[in-house]
Amino acid sequence: MQTAGLRVESLQPVNLLGGIAWWATVRCAGQRSAAPRLVRVYDRVVMPTTRFIERRMRVPFGQSLLCVARVDATRVDATQVGLAGVGLTGVGVARWGPGRE
């Protein structure tokens, strides 16, 4: 992020139970992907539980990382910022405002 001219404000693991479920399914059981029925159960039961837990405590690990970064105006002009050289396998961009999650 710093190479791209961004200042990291927050970097934290998310989806604790998803990380555990992935580990159990893929690493221990040797599955390549989850059955659609299990994904529906996960979305309906596990995700709300994960959100409940993660709103109350910072988790030590998770399936993904959530990074909030801003343009570091002291280093680069906002029009020059790009993520091409960051070396991430997946980059998500979201604009959140008051009352949005």
PDB file of N, CA and C in Angstrom:
ATOM      1  N   MET A   1       0.821  -1.180   0.000  1.00  0.00           N
ATOM      2  CA  MET A   1       0.000   0.000   0.000  1.00  0.00           C
ATOM      3  C   MET A   1       0.873   1.254   0.000  1.00  0.00           C
ATOM      4  N   GLN A   2       1.942   1.202   0.782  1.00  0.00           N
ATOM      5  CA  GLN A   2       2.834   2.363   0.834  1.00  0.00           C
ATOM      6  C   GLN A   2       3.498   2.615  -0.507  1.00  0.00           C
ATOM      7  N   THR A   3       3.856   1.554  -1.222  1.00  0.00           N
ATOM      8  CA  THR A   3       4.457   1.697  -2.543  1.00  0.00           C
ATOM      9  C   THR A   3       3.503   2.394  -3.503  1.00  0.00           C
ATOM     10  N   ALA A   4       2.204   2.168  -3.312  1.00  0.00           N
ATOM     11  CA  ALA A   4       1.198   2.785  -4.174  1.00  0.00           C
ATOM     12  C   ALA A   4       0.851   4.196  -3.714  1.00  0.00           C
ATOM     13  N   GLY A   5       1.505   4.667  -2.650  1.00  0.00           N
ATOM     14  CA  GLY A   5       1.241   6.021  -2.184  1.00  0.00           C
ATOM     15  C   GLY A   5       0.066   6.117  -1.227  1.00  0.00           C
ATOM     16  N   LEU A   6      -0.279   5.004  -0.598  1.00  0.00           N
ATOM     17  CA  LEU A   6      -1.406   4.994   0.334  1.00  0.00           C
ATOM     18  C   LEU A   6      -0.908   4.861   1.762  1.00  0.00           C
ATOM     19  N   ARG A   7      -1.654   5.428   2.693  1.00  0.00           N
ATOM     20  CA  ARG A   7      -1.338   5.331   4.115  1.00  0.00           C
ATOM     21  C   ARG A   7      -2.345   4.385   4.753  1.00  0.00           C
ATOM     22  N   VAL A   8      -1.872   3.296   5.328  1.00  0.00           N
ATOM     23  CA  VAL A   8      -2.746   2.298   5.948  1.00  0.00           C
ATOM     24  C   VAL A   8      -3.281   2.862   7.256  1.00  0.00           C
ATOM     25  N   GLU A   9      -4.612   2.896   7.360  1.00  0.00           N
ATOM     26  CA  GLU A   9      -5.253   3.344   8.593  1.00  0.00           C
ATOM     27  C   GLU A   9      -5.660   2.160   9.457  1.00  0.00           C
ATOM     28  N   SER A  10      -6.027   1.077   8.809  1.00  0.00           N
ATOM     29  CA  SER A  10      -6.458  -0.108   9.547  1.00  0.00           C
ATOM     30  C   SER A  10      -6.192  -1.338   8.691  1.00  0.00           C
ATOM     31  N   LEU A  11      -5.660  -2.372   9.316  1.00  0.00           N
ATOM     32  CA  LEU A  11      -5.433  -3.645   8.639  1.00  0.00           C
ATOM     33  C   LEU A  11      -5.772  -4.729   9.647  1.00  0.00           C
ATOM     34  N   GLN A  12      -6.808  -5.503   9.331  1.00  0.00           N
ATOM     35  CA  GLN A  12      -7.239  -6.508  10.293  1.00  0.00           C
ATOM     36  C   GLN A  12      -7.815  -7.732   9.592  1.00  0.00           C
ATOM     37  N   PRO A  13      -7.644  -8.899  10.225  1.00  0.00           N
ATOM     38  CA  PRO A  13      -8.257 -10.106   9.673  1.00  0.00           C
ATOM     39  C   PRO A  13      -9.769 -10.069   9.878  1.00  0.00           C
ATOM     40  N   VAL A  14     -10.498 -10.648   8.940  1.00  0.00           N
ATOM     41  CA  VAL A  14     -11.955 -10.751   9.039  1.00  0.00           C
ATOM     42  C   VAL A  14     -12.389 -12.153   8.624  1.00  0.00           C
ATOM     43  N   ASN A  15     -13.581 -12.513   8.992  1.00  0.00           N
ATOM     44  CA  ASN A  15     -14.185 -13.803   8.671  1.00  0.00           C
ATOM     45  C   ASN A  15     -13.464 -14.950   9.389  1.00  0.00           C
ATOM     46  N   LEU A  16     -13.407 -14.836  10.699  1.00  0.00           N
ATOM     47  CA  LEU A  16     -12.775 -15.840  11.554  1.00  0.00           C
ATOM     48  C   LEU A  16     -13.346 -17.230  11.308  1.00  0.00           C
ATOM     49  N   LEU A  17     -14.653 -17.366  11.367  1.00  0.00           N
ATOM     50  CA  LEU A  17     -15.267 -18.681  11.199  1.00  0.00           C
ATOM     51  C   LEU A  17     -15.113 -19.200   9.780  1.00  0.00           C
ATOM     52  N   GLY A  18     -15.056 -18.295   8.804  1.00  0.00           N
ATOM     53  CA  GLY A  18     -14.804 -18.708   7.424  1.00  0.00           C
ATOM     54  C   GLY A  18     -13.415 -19.298   7.267  1.00  0.00           C
ATOM     55  N   GLY A  19     -12.449 -18.725   7.972  1.00  0.00           N
ATOM     56  CA  GLY A  19     -11.094 -19.270   7.943  1.00  0.00           C
ATOM     57  C   GLY A  19     -11.036 -20.665   8.530  1.00  0.00           C
ATOM     58  N   ILE A  20     -11.741 -20.851   9.623  1.00  0.00           N
ATOM     59  CA  ILE A  20     -11.792 -22.174  10.251  1.00  0.00           C
ATOM     60  C   ILE A  20     -12.520 -23.166   9.347  1.00  0.00           C
ATOM     61  N   ALA A  21     -13.643 -22.734   8.770  1.00  0.00           N
ATOM     62  CA  ALA A  21     -14.413 -23.616   7.874  1.00  0.00           C
ATOM     63  C   ALA A  21     -13.586 -23.996   6.645  1.00  0.00           C
ATOM     64  N   TRP A  22     -12.868 -23.025   6.071  1.00  0.00           N
ATOM     65  CA  TRP A  22     -12.021 -23.321   4.916  1.00  0.00           C
ATOM     66  C   TRP A  22     -10.950 -24.337   5.299  1.00  0.00           C
ATOM     67  N   TRP A  23     -10.289 -24.100   6.426  1.00  0.00           N
ATOM     68  CA  TRP A  23      -9.240 -25.009   6.871  1.00  0.00           C
ATOM     69  C   TRP A  23      -9.788 -26.427   7.048  1.00  0.00           C
ATOM     70  N   ALA A  24     -10.943 -26.555   7.682  1.00  0.00           N
ATOM     71  CA  ALA A  24     -11.529 -27.881   7.919  1.00  0.00           C
ATOM     72  C   ALA A  24     -11.951 -28.545   6.614  1.00  0.00           C
ATOM     73  N   THR A  25     -12.519 -27.774   5.711  1.00  0.00           N
ATOM     74  CA  THR A  25     -13.036 -28.334   4.458  1.00  0.00           C
ATOM     75  C   THR A  25     -11.927 -28.656   3.462  1.00  0.00           C
ATOM     76  N   VAL A  26     -11.058 -27.707   3.240  1.00  0.00           N
ATOM     77  CA  VAL A  26     -10.056 -27.854   2.187  1.00  0.00           C
ATOM     78  C   VAL A  26      -8.809 -28.575   2.685  1.00  0.00           C
ATOM     79  N   ARG A  27      -8.273 -28.141   3.797  1.00  0.00           N
ATOM     80  CA  ARG A  27      -7.014 -28.705   4.271  1.00  0.00           C
ATOM     81  C   ARG A  27      -7.192 -30.069   4.930  1.00  0.00           C
ATOM     82  N   CYS A  28      -8.225 -30.219   5.747  1.00  0.00           N
ATOM     83  CA  CYS A  28      -8.399 -31.480   6.479  1.00  0.00           C
ATOM     84  C   CYS A  28      -9.201 -32.510   5.690  1.00  0.00           C
ATOM     85  N   ALA A  29     -10.294 -32.081   5.069  1.00  0.00           N
ATOM     86  CA  ALA A  29     -11.167 -33.016   4.364  1.00  0.00           C
ATOM     87  C   ALA A  29     -10.769 -33.200   2.901  1.00  0.00           C
ATOM     88  N   GLY A  30      -9.876 -32.358   2.388  1.00  0.00           N
ATOM     89  CA  GLY A  30      -9.395 -32.506   1.022  1.00  0.00           C
ATOM     90  C   GLY A  30     -10.388 -32.116  -0.055  1.00  0.00           C
ATOM     91  N   GLN A  31     -11.403 -31.336   0.291  1.00  0.00           N
ATOM     92  CA  GLN A  31     -12.384 -30.882  -0.697  1.00  0.00           C
ATOM     93  C   GLN A  31     -11.799 -29.736  -1.515  1.00  0.00           C
ATOM     94  N   ARG A  32     -12.173 -29.685  -2.775  1.00  0.00           N
ATOM     95  CA  ARG A  32     -11.715 -28.583  -3.631  1.00  0.00           C
ATOM     96  C   ARG A  32     -12.626 -27.376  -3.504  1.00  0.00           C
ATOM     97  N   SER A  33     -13.906 -27.621  -3.261  1.00  0.00           N
ATOM     98  CA  SER A  33     -14.866 -26.525  -3.102  1.00  0.00           C
ATOM     99  C   SER A  33     -16.018 -27.020  -2.230  1.00  0.00           C
ATOM    100  N   ALA A  34     -16.741 -26.078  -1.687  1.00  0.00           N
ATOM    101  CA  ALA A  34     -17.860 -26.420  -0.809  1.00  0.00           C
ATOM    102  C   ALA A  34     -19.114 -26.710  -1.638  1.00  0.00           C
ATOM    103  N   ALA A  35     -19.924 -27.613  -1.149  1.00  0.00           N
ATOM    104  CA  ALA A  35     -21.200 -27.929  -1.801  1.00  0.00           C
ATOM    105  C   ALA A  35     -22.130 -26.721  -1.680  1.00  0.00           C
ATOM    106  N   PRO A  36     -22.921 -26.439  -2.720  1.00  0.00           N
ATOM    107  CA  PRO A  36     -23.831 -25.285  -2.676  1.00  0.00           C
ATOM    108  C   PRO A  36     -24.748 -25.278  -1.438  1.00  0.00           C
ATOM    109  N   ARG A  37     -25.179 -26.444  -1.015  1.00  0.00           N
ATOM    110  CA  ARG A  37     -26.046 -26.528   0.163  1.00  0.00           C
ATOM    111  C   ARG A  37     -25.307 -26.032   1.407  1.00  0.00           C
ATOM    112  N   LEU A  38     -24.041 -26.403   1.541  1.00  0.00           N
ATOM    113  CA  LEU A  38     -23.249 -25.958   2.680  1.00  0.00           C
ATOM    114  C   LEU A  38     -22.979 -24.453   2.628  1.00  0.00           C
ATOM    115  N   VAL A  39     -22.807 -23.915   1.439  1.00  0.00           N
ATOM    116  CA  VAL A  39     -22.595 -22.482   1.294  1.00  0.00           C
ATOM    117  C   VAL A  39     -23.839 -21.729   1.753  1.00  0.00           C
ATOM    118  N   ARG A  40     -25.025 -22.215   1.396  1.00  0.00           N
ATOM    119  CA  ARG A  40     -26.267 -21.562   1.838  1.00  0.00           C
ATOM    120  C   ARG A  40     -26.390 -21.590   3.359  1.00  0.00           C
ATOM    121  N   VAL A  41     -26.080 -22.723   3.968  1.00  0.00           N
ATOM    122  CA  VAL A  41     -26.122 -22.826   5.432  1.00  0.00           C
ATOM    123  C   VAL A  41     -25.101 -21.870   6.039  1.00  0.00           C
ATOM    124  N   TYR A  42     -23.934 -21.832   5.477  1.00  0.00           N
ATOM    125  CA  TYR A  42     -22.883 -20.938   5.962  1.00  0.00           C
ATOM    126  C   TYR A  42     -23.359 -19.480   5.912  1.00  0.00           C
ATOM    127  N   ASP A  43     -23.931 -19.075   4.770  1.00  0.00           N
ATOM    128  CA  ASP A  43     -24.395 -17.692   4.614  1.00  0.00           C
ATOM    129  C   ASP A  43     -25.504 -17.347   5.606  1.00  0.00           C
ATOM    130  N   ARG A  44     -26.378 -18.286   5.881  1.00  0.00           N
ATOM    131  CA  ARG A  44     -27.531 -18.021   6.764  1.00  0.00           C
ATOM    132  C   ARG A  44     -27.198 -18.117   8.242  1.00  0.00           C
ATOM    133  N   VAL A  45     -26.268 -18.992   8.606  1.00  0.00           N
ATOM    134  CA  VAL A  45     -25.996 -19.241  10.027  1.00  0.00           C
ATOM    135  C   VAL A  45     -24.647 -18.700  10.467  1.00  0.00           C
ATOM    136  N   VAL A  46     -23.608 -19.055   9.735  1.00  0.00           N
ATOM    137  CA  VAL A  46     -22.256 -18.745  10.177  1.00  0.00           C
ATOM    138  C   VAL A  46     -21.925 -17.263   9.988  1.00  0.00           C
ATOM    139  N   MET A  47     -22.283 -16.675   8.863  1.00  0.00           N
ATOM    140  CA  MET A  47     -21.945 -15.268   8.620  1.00  0.00           C
ATOM    141  C   MET A  47     -22.553 -14.336   9.670  1.00  0.00           C
ATOM    142  N   PRO A  48     -23.831 -14.476  10.027  1.00  0.00           N
ATOM    143  CA  PRO A  48     -24.352 -13.606  11.087  1.00  0.00           C
ATOM    144  C   PRO A  48     -23.614 -13.804  12.414  1.00  0.00           C
ATOM    145  N   THR A  49     -23.231 -15.030  12.711  1.00  0.00           N
ATOM    146  CA  THR A  49     -22.480 -15.310  13.938  1.00  0.00           C
ATOM    147  C   THR A  49     -21.104 -14.655  13.872  1.00  0.00           C
ATOM    148  N   THR A  50     -20.463 -14.751  12.720  1.00  0.00           N
ATOM    149  CA  THR A  50     -19.148 -14.134  12.534  1.00  0.00           C
ATOM    150  C   THR A  50     -19.246 -12.622  12.712  1.00  0.00           C
ATOM    151  N   ARG A  51     -20.258 -12.002  12.108  1.00  0.00           N
ATOM    152  CA  ARG A  51     -20.429 -10.553  12.249  1.00  0.00           C
ATOM    153  C   ARG A  51     -20.625 -10.170  13.712  1.00  0.00           C
ATOM    154  N   PHE A  52     -21.424 -10.946  14.424  1.00  0.00           N
ATOM    155  CA  PHE A  52     -21.673 -10.694  15.842  1.00  0.00           C
ATOM    156  C   PHE A  52     -20.360 -10.717  16.630  1.00  0.00           C
ATOM    157  N   ILE A  53     -19.560 -11.738  16.400  1.00  0.00           N
ATOM    158  CA  ILE A  53     -18.283 -11.877  17.112  1.00  0.00           C
ATOM    159  C   ILE A  53     -17.332 -10.739  16.761  1.00  0.00           C
ATOM    160  N   GLU A  54     -17.195 -10.452  15.460  1.00  0.00           N
ATOM    161  CA  GLU A  54     -16.202  -9.481  15.017  1.00  0.00           C
ATOM    162  C   GLU A  54     -16.572  -8.045  15.359  1.00  0.00           C
ATOM    163  N   ARG A  55     -17.832  -7.779  15.646  1.00  0.00           N
ATOM    164  CA  ARG A  55     -18.220  -6.434  16.091  1.00  0.00           C
ATOM    165  C   ARG A  55     -17.866  -6.213  17.556  1.00  0.00           C
ATOM    166  N   ARG A  56     -17.667  -7.294  18.285  1.00  0.00           N
ATOM    167  CA  ARG A  56     -17.411  -7.199  19.717  1.00  0.00           C
ATOM    168  C   ARG A  56     -15.949  -7.400  20.104  1.00  0.00           C
ATOM    169  N   MET A  57     -15.183  -8.022  19.236  1.00  0.00           N
ATOM    170  CA  MET A  57     -13.771  -8.254  19.564  1.00  0.00           C
ATOM    171  C   MET A  57     -12.930  -8.304  18.295  1.00  0.00           C
ATOM    172  N   ARG A  58     -11.679  -8.029  18.461  1.00  0.00           N
ATOM    173  CA  ARG A  58     -10.738  -8.130  17.342  1.00  0.00           C
ATOM    174  C   ARG A  58     -10.264  -9.576  17.278  1.00  0.00           C
ATOM    175  N   VAL A  59     -10.414 -10.196  16.113  1.00  0.00           N
ATOM    176  CA  VAL A  59     -10.071 -11.612  15.976  1.00  0.00           C
ATOM    177  C   VAL A  59      -8.594 -11.761  15.600  1.00  0.00           C
ATOM    178  N   PRO A  60      -7.955 -12.863  16.022  1.00  0.00           N
ATOM    179  CA  PRO A  60      -6.523 -13.039  15.763  1.00  0.00           C
ATOM    180  C   PRO A  60      -6.187 -13.462  14.333  1.00  0.00           C
ATOM    181  N   PHE A  61      -7.134 -14.057  13.620  1.00  0.00           N
ATOM    182  CA  PHE A  61      -6.915 -14.470  12.235  1.00  0.00           C
ATOM    183  C   PHE A  61      -8.260 -14.564  11.543  1.00  0.00           C
ATOM    184  N   GLY A  62      -8.229 -14.692  10.229  1.00  0.00           N
ATOM    185  CA  GLY A  62      -9.466 -14.811   9.463  1.00  0.00           C
ATOM    186  C   GLY A  62      -9.175 -15.292   8.065  1.00  0.00           C
ATOM    187  N   GLN A  63     -10.233 -15.459   7.315  1.00  0.00           N
ATOM    188  CA  GLN A  63     -10.097 -15.936   5.941  1.00  0.00           C
ATOM    189  C   GLN A  63      -9.583 -14.829   5.026  1.00  0.00           C
ATOM    190  N   SER A  64      -9.833 -13.590   5.388  1.00  0.00           N
ATOM    191  CA  SER A  64      -9.463 -12.447   4.552  1.00  0.00           C
ATOM    192  C   SER A  64      -8.855 -11.352   5.415  1.00  0.00           C
ATOM    193  N   LEU A  65      -8.284 -10.371   4.745  1.00  0.00           N
ATOM    194  CA  LEU A  65      -7.794  -9.171   5.408  1.00  0.00           C
ATOM    195  C   LEU A  65      -8.601  -7.985   4.917  1.00  0.00           C
ATOM    196  N   LEU A  66      -8.952  -7.102   5.828  1.00  0.00           N
ATOM    197  CA  LEU A  66      -9.633  -5.863   5.487  1.00  0.00           C
ATOM    198  C   LEU A  66      -8.650  -4.732   5.730  1.00  0.00           C
ATOM    199  N   CYS A  67      -8.388  -3.980   4.681  1.00  0.00           N
ATOM    200  CA  CYS A  67      -7.444  -2.871   4.784  1.00  0.00           C
ATOM    201  C   CYS A  67      -8.163  -1.584   4.410  1.00  0.00           C
ATOM    202  N   VAL A  68      -8.037  -0.601   5.281  1.00  0.00           N
ATOM    203  CA  VAL A  68      -8.546   0.734   4.993  1.00  0.00           C
ATOM    204  C   VAL A  68      -7.326   1.618   4.826  1.00  0.00           C
ATOM    205  N   ALA A  69      -7.217   2.236   3.660  1.00  0.00           N
ATOM    206  CA  ALA A  69      -6.066   3.082   3.370  1.00  0.00           C
ATOM    207  C   ALA A  69      -6.534   4.360   2.694  1.00  0.00           C
ATOM    208  N   ARG A  70      -5.777   5.387   2.901  1.00  0.00           N
ATOM    209  CA  ARG A  70      -6.080   6.678   2.283  1.00  0.00           C
ATOM    210  C   ARG A  70      -4.863   7.156   1.490  1.00  0.00           C
ATOM    211  N   VAL A  71      -5.135   8.026   0.552  1.00  0.00           N
ATOM    212  CA  VAL A  71      -4.051   8.633  -0.203  1.00  0.00           C
ATOM    213  C   VAL A  71      -3.225   9.465   0.764  1.00  0.00           C
ATOM    214  N   ASP A  72      -1.931   9.243   0.764  1.00  0.00           N
ATOM    215  CA  ASP A  72      -1.019  10.005   1.593  1.00  0.00           C
ATOM    216  C   ASP A  72      -0.632  11.257   0.816  1.00  0.00           C
ATOM    217  N   ALA A  73      -1.302  12.342   1.117  1.00  0.00           N
ATOM    218  CA  ALA A  73      -1.120  13.583   0.355  1.00  0.00           C
ATOM    219  C   ALA A  73       0.296  14.127   0.489  1.00  0.00           C
ATOM    220  N   THR A  74       1.009  13.732   1.525  1.00  0.00           N
ATOM    221  CA  THR A  74       2.375  14.222   1.686  1.00  0.00           C
ATOM    222  C   THR A  74       3.344  13.520   0.749  1.00  0.00           C
ATOM    223  N   ARG A  75       2.954  12.363   0.197  1.00  0.00           N
ATOM    224  CA  ARG A  75       3.874  11.586  -0.650  1.00  0.00           C
ATOM    225  C   ARG A  75       3.588  11.717  -2.133  1.00  0.00           C
ATOM    226  N   VAL A  76       2.298  11.696  -2.518  1.00  0.00           N
ATOM    227  CA  VAL A  76       1.969  11.747  -3.950  1.00  0.00           C
ATOM    228  C   VAL A  76       0.706  12.548  -4.179  1.00  0.00           C
ATOM    229  N   ASP A  77       0.549  12.949  -5.410  1.00  0.00           N
ATOM    230  CA  ASP A  77      -0.673  13.608  -5.835  1.00  0.00           C
ATOM    231  C   ASP A  77      -1.758  12.537  -5.984  1.00  0.00           C
ATOM    232  N   ALA A  78      -2.973  12.822  -5.584  1.00  0.00           N
ATOM    233  CA  ALA A  78      -4.061  11.848  -5.613  1.00  0.00           C
ATOM    234  C   ALA A  78      -4.321  11.302  -7.012  1.00  0.00           C
ATOM    235  N   THR A  79      -4.015  12.054  -8.037  1.00  0.00           N
ATOM    236  CA  THR A  79      -4.256  11.578  -9.400  1.00  0.00           C
ATOM    237  C   THR A  79      -3.218  10.564  -9.851  1.00  0.00           C
ATOM    238  N   GLN A  80      -2.112  10.401  -9.112  1.00  0.00           N
ATOM    239  CA  GLN A  80      -1.048   9.488  -9.504  1.00  0.00           C
ATOM    240  C   GLN A  80      -1.118   8.141  -8.804  1.00  0.00           C
ATOM    241  N   VAL A  81      -2.077   7.949  -7.910  1.00  0.00           N
ATOM    242  CA  VAL A  81      -2.135   6.720  -7.117  1.00  0.00           C
ATOM    243  C   VAL A  81      -2.675   5.580  -7.963  1.00  0.00           C
ATOM    244  N   GLY A  82      -1.980   4.443  -7.939  1.00  0.00           N
ATOM    245  CA  GLY A  82      -2.429   3.232  -8.622  1.00  0.00           C
ATOM    246  C   GLY A  82      -2.021   2.029  -7.807  1.00  0.00           C
ATOM    247  N   LEU A  83      -2.714   0.908  -7.982  1.00  0.00           N
ATOM    248  CA  LEU A  83      -2.420  -0.294  -7.210  1.00  0.00           C
ATOM    249  C   LEU A  83      -1.681  -1.356  -8.013  1.00  0.00           C
ATOM    250  N   ALA A  84      -1.220  -1.037  -9.204  1.00  0.00           N
ATOM    251  CA  ALA A  84      -0.614  -2.051 -10.060  1.00  0.00           C
ATOM    252  C   ALA A  84       0.626  -2.682  -9.450  1.00  0.00           C
ATOM    253  N   GLY A  85       1.422  -1.941  -8.730  1.00  0.00           N
ATOM    254  CA  GLY A  85       2.666  -2.471  -8.203  1.00  0.00           C
ATOM    255  C   GLY A  85       2.584  -3.001  -6.789  1.00  0.00           C
ATOM    256  N   VAL A  86       1.406  -3.097  -6.243  1.00  0.00           N
ATOM    257  CA  VAL A  86       1.279  -3.487  -4.845  1.00  0.00           C
ATOM    258  C   VAL A  86       1.525  -4.973  -4.644  1.00  0.00           C
ATOM    259  N   GLY A  87       1.186  -5.808  -5.612  1.00  0.00           N
ATOM    260  CA  GLY A  87       1.434  -7.239  -5.501  1.00  0.00           C
ATOM    261  C   GLY A  87       0.371  -7.988  -4.725  1.00  0.00           C
ATOM    262  N   LEU A  88      -0.840  -7.511  -4.728  1.00  0.00           N
ATOM    263  CA  LEU A  88      -1.938  -8.199  -4.050  1.00  0.00           C
ATOM    264  C   LEU A  88      -2.631  -9.132  -5.023  1.00  0.00           C
ATOM    265  N   THR A  89      -3.149 -10.244  -4.506  1.00  0.00           N
ATOM    266  CA  THR A  89      -3.874 -11.159  -5.376  1.00  0.00           C
ATOM    267  C   THR A  89      -5.309 -10.717  -5.575  1.00  0.00           C
ATOM    268  N   GLY A  90      -5.838  -9.953  -4.670  1.00  0.00           N
ATOM    269  CA  GLY A  90      -7.206  -9.460  -4.806  1.00  0.00           C
ATOM    270  C   GLY A  90      -7.322  -8.126  -4.100  1.00  0.00           C
ATOM    271  N   VAL A  91      -7.911  -7.169  -4.769  1.00  0.00           N
ATOM    272  CA  VAL A  91      -8.076  -5.853  -4.172  1.00  0.00           C
ATOM    273  C   VAL A  91      -9.541  -5.484  -4.268  1.00  0.00           C
ATOM    274  N   GLY A  92     -10.122  -5.139  -3.143  1.00  0.00           N
ATOM    275  CA  GLY A  92     -11.510  -4.688  -3.126  1.00  0.00           C
ATOM    276  C   GLY A  92     -11.544  -3.222  -2.758  1.00  0.00           C
ATOM    277  N   VAL A  93     -12.375  -2.487  -3.431  1.00  0.00           N
ATOM    278  CA  VAL A  93     -12.508  -1.072  -3.152  1.00  0.00           C
ATOM    279  C   VAL A  93     -13.954  -0.809  -2.799  1.00  0.00           C
ATOM    280  N   ALA A  94     -14.145  -0.152  -1.679  1.00  0.00           N
ATOM    281  CA  ALA A  94     -15.500   0.190  -1.256  1.00  0.00           C
ATOM    282  C   ALA A  94     -15.491   1.612  -0.740  1.00  0.00           C
ATOM    283  N   ARG A  95     -16.558   2.296  -0.985  1.00  0.00           N
ATOM    284  CA  ARG A  95     -16.720   3.629  -0.429  1.00  0.00           C
ATOM    285  C   ARG A  95     -17.806   3.529   0.623  1.00  0.00           C
ATOM    286  N   TRP A  96     -17.392   3.762   1.849  1.00  0.00           N
ATOM    287  CA  TRP A  96     -18.331   3.683   2.960  1.00  0.00           C
ATOM    288  C   TRP A  96     -18.582   5.063   3.496  1.00  0.00           C
ATOM    289  N   GLY A  97     -19.822   5.282   3.859  1.00  0.00           N
ATOM    290  CA  GLY A  97     -20.183   6.547   4.465  1.00  0.00           C
ATOM    291  C   GLY A  97     -20.860   6.295   5.792  1.00  0.00           C
ATOM    292  N   PRO A  98     -21.295   7.326   6.432  1.00  0.00           N
ATOM    293  CA  PRO A  98     -21.972   7.172   7.714  1.00  0.00           C
ATOM    294  C   PRO A  98     -23.185   6.238   7.587  1.00  0.00           C
ATOM    295  N   GLY A  99     -23.285   5.288   8.476  1.00  0.00           N
ATOM    296  CA  GLY A  99     -24.421   4.366   8.478  1.00  0.00           C
ATOM    297  C   GLY A  99     -24.296   3.208   7.528  1.00  0.00           C
ATOM    298  N   ARG A 100     -23.205   3.107   6.781  1.00  0.00           N
ATOM    299  CA  ARG A 100     -23.003   1.992   5.841  1.00  0.00           C
ATOM    300  C   ARG A 100     -22.019   1.012   6.409  1.00  0.00           C
ATOM    301  N   GLU A 101     -22.220  -0.275   6.089  1.00  0.00           N
ATOM    302  CA  GLU A 101     -21.254  -1.299   6.493  1.00  0.00           C
ATOM    303  C   GLU A 101     -20.982  -2.184   5.327  1.00  0.00           C
TER     304      GLU A 101
END
